[in-house]
């Protein structure tokens, strides 16, 4: 991967939860150029999970919107 491509990538947080209970099952951080690419990466990391089990967050947006921190809770 080239220098420019690496700098265009952003970190995304993937949260995997149990839909029935909302219990946290797993988390991952990946780098991608855009949200669509991040969703594809999440599918590769967690291929057997239904789409509704995955929540995807742009870490830069979380930092901007919640400068004092953010907790995953529903």
C-alpha atoms as a PDB file:
ATOM      1  CA  UNK A   1       0.000   0.000   0.000  1.00  0.00           C
ATOM      2  CA  UNK A   2       1.372   3.381  -0.966  1.00  0.00           C
ATOM      3  CA  UNK A   3       2.111   6.294   1.310  1.00  0.00           C
ATOM      4  CA  UNK A   4      -0.847   8.370   0.115  1.00  0.00           C
ATOM      5  CA  UNK A   5      -3.321   5.487   0.381  1.00  0.00           C
ATOM      6  CA  UNK A   6      -2.264   4.832   3.975  1.00  0.00           C
ATOM      7  CA  UNK A   7      -2.890   8.448   4.925  1.00  0.00           C
ATOM      8  CA  UNK A   8      -6.326   8.507   3.309  1.00  0.00           C
ATOM      9  CA  UNK A   9      -7.464   5.602   5.472  1.00  0.00           C
ATOM     10  CA  UNK A  10      -9.416   6.272   8.660  1.00  0.00           C
ATOM     11  CA  UNK A  11      -9.895   4.074  11.724  1.00  0.00           C
ATOM     12  CA  UNK A  12     -13.306   2.496  12.267  1.00  0.00           C
ATOM     13  CA  UNK A  13     -14.569   0.827  15.417  1.00  0.00           C
ATOM     14  CA  UNK A  14     -16.657  -2.308  14.941  1.00  0.00           C
ATOM     15  CA  UNK A  15     -18.906  -3.311  17.825  1.00  0.00           C
ATOM     16  CA  UNK A  16     -20.563  -6.736  17.744  1.00  0.00           C
ATOM     17  CA  UNK A  17     -23.551  -7.160  19.982  1.00  0.00           C
ATOM     18  CA  UNK A  18     -26.158  -9.818  20.657  1.00  0.00           C
ATOM     19  CA  UNK A  19     -29.357  -8.353  19.160  1.00  0.00           C
ATOM     20  CA  UNK A  20     -31.746 -10.031  21.582  1.00  0.00           C
ATOM     21  CA  UNK A  21     -29.986  -8.863  24.739  1.00  0.00           C
ATOM     22  CA  UNK A  22     -27.745  -6.029  23.542  1.00  0.00           C
ATOM     23  CA  UNK A  23     -24.805  -7.784  25.207  1.00  0.00           C
ATOM     24  CA  UNK A  24     -21.372  -6.892  23.852  1.00  0.00           C
ATOM     25  CA  UNK A  25     -19.824  -9.866  22.027  1.00  0.00           C
ATOM     26  CA  UNK A  26     -16.700  -8.468  20.381  1.00  0.00           C
ATOM     27  CA  UNK A  27     -14.947  -5.297  19.212  1.00  0.00           C
ATOM     28  CA  UNK A  28     -12.406  -4.588  16.493  1.00  0.00           C
ATOM     29  CA  UNK A  29     -10.668  -1.593  14.946  1.00  0.00           C
ATOM     30  CA  UNK A  30      -9.936  -1.520  11.231  1.00  0.00           C
ATOM     31  CA  UNK A  31      -8.625   1.076   8.788  1.00  0.00           C
ATOM     32  CA  UNK A  32     -10.497   1.860   5.603  1.00  0.00           C
ATOM     33  CA  UNK A  33     -10.834   4.669   3.065  1.00  0.00           C
ATOM     34  CA  UNK A  34     -14.604   4.978   3.563  1.00  0.00           C
ATOM     35  CA  UNK A  35     -17.561   3.488   5.419  1.00  0.00           C
ATOM     36  CA  UNK A  36     -18.430   1.044   2.626  1.00  0.00           C
ATOM     37  CA  UNK A  37     -14.902  -0.367   2.682  1.00  0.00           C
ATOM     38  CA  UNK A  38     -15.070  -0.565   6.489  1.00  0.00           C
ATOM     39  CA  UNK A  39     -18.324  -2.536   6.272  1.00  0.00           C
ATOM     40  CA  UNK A  40     -16.661  -4.975   3.867  1.00  0.00           C
ATOM     41  CA  UNK A  41     -13.763  -5.335   6.284  1.00  0.00           C
ATOM     42  CA  UNK A  42     -16.169  -6.017   9.134  1.00  0.00           C
ATOM     43  CA  UNK A  43     -17.844  -8.748   7.058  1.00  0.00           C
ATOM     44  CA  UNK A  44     -14.431 -10.368   6.487  1.00  0.00           C
ATOM     45  CA  UNK A  45     -13.613 -10.251  10.215  1.00  0.00           C
ATOM     46  CA  UNK A  46     -17.006 -11.565  11.282  1.00  0.00           C
ATOM     47  CA  UNK A  47     -18.324 -13.554   8.285  1.00  0.00           C
ATOM     48  CA  UNK A  48     -20.867 -15.661  10.149  1.00  0.00           C
ATOM     49  CA  UNK A  49     -22.696 -12.794  11.861  1.00  0.00           C
ATOM     50  CA  UNK A  50     -25.918 -11.248  10.563  1.00  0.00           C
ATOM     51  CA  UNK A  51     -25.525  -7.630   9.475  1.00  0.00           C
ATOM     52  CA  UNK A  52     -27.728  -6.332  12.302  1.00  0.00           C
ATOM     53  CA  UNK A  53     -25.222  -7.640  14.883  1.00  0.00           C
ATOM     54  CA  UNK A  54     -22.522  -5.192  13.692  1.00  0.00           C
ATOM     55  CA  UNK A  55     -22.300  -1.490  14.546  1.00  0.00           C
ATOM     56  CA  UNK A  56     -19.706   0.587  12.712  1.00  0.00           C
ATOM     57  CA  UNK A  57     -18.320   3.884  14.033  1.00  0.00           C
ATOM     58  CA  UNK A  58     -15.866   6.319  12.456  1.00  0.00           C
ATOM     59  CA  UNK A  59     -13.382   6.945  15.274  1.00  0.00           C
ATOM     60  CA  UNK A  60     -12.609  10.492  14.052  1.00  0.00           C
ATOM     61  CA  UNK A  61     -16.320  11.342  14.268  1.00  0.00           C
ATOM     62  CA  UNK A  62     -16.565   9.839  17.757  1.00  0.00           C
ATOM     63  CA  UNK A  63     -13.599  11.951  18.878  1.00  0.00           C
ATOM     64  CA  UNK A  64     -15.149  15.086  17.383  1.00  0.00           C
ATOM     65  CA  UNK A  65     -18.668  14.465  18.720  1.00  0.00           C
ATOM     66  CA  UNK A  66     -17.568  13.181  22.151  1.00  0.00           C
ATOM     67  CA  UNK A  67     -14.269  14.906  23.027  1.00  0.00           C
ATOM     68  CA  UNK A  68     -14.522  13.828  26.674  1.00  0.00           C
ATOM     69  CA  UNK A  69     -14.970  10.152  25.783  1.00  0.00           C
ATOM     70  CA  UNK A  70     -17.649   7.767  24.622  1.00  0.00           C
ATOM     71  CA  UNK A  71     -19.129   4.600  26.097  1.00  0.00           C
ATOM     72  CA  UNK A  72     -20.996   2.010  24.078  1.00  0.00           C
ATOM     73  CA  UNK A  73     -24.312   1.502  25.859  1.00  0.00           C
ATOM     74  CA  UNK A  74     -27.810   1.103  24.508  1.00  0.00           C
END
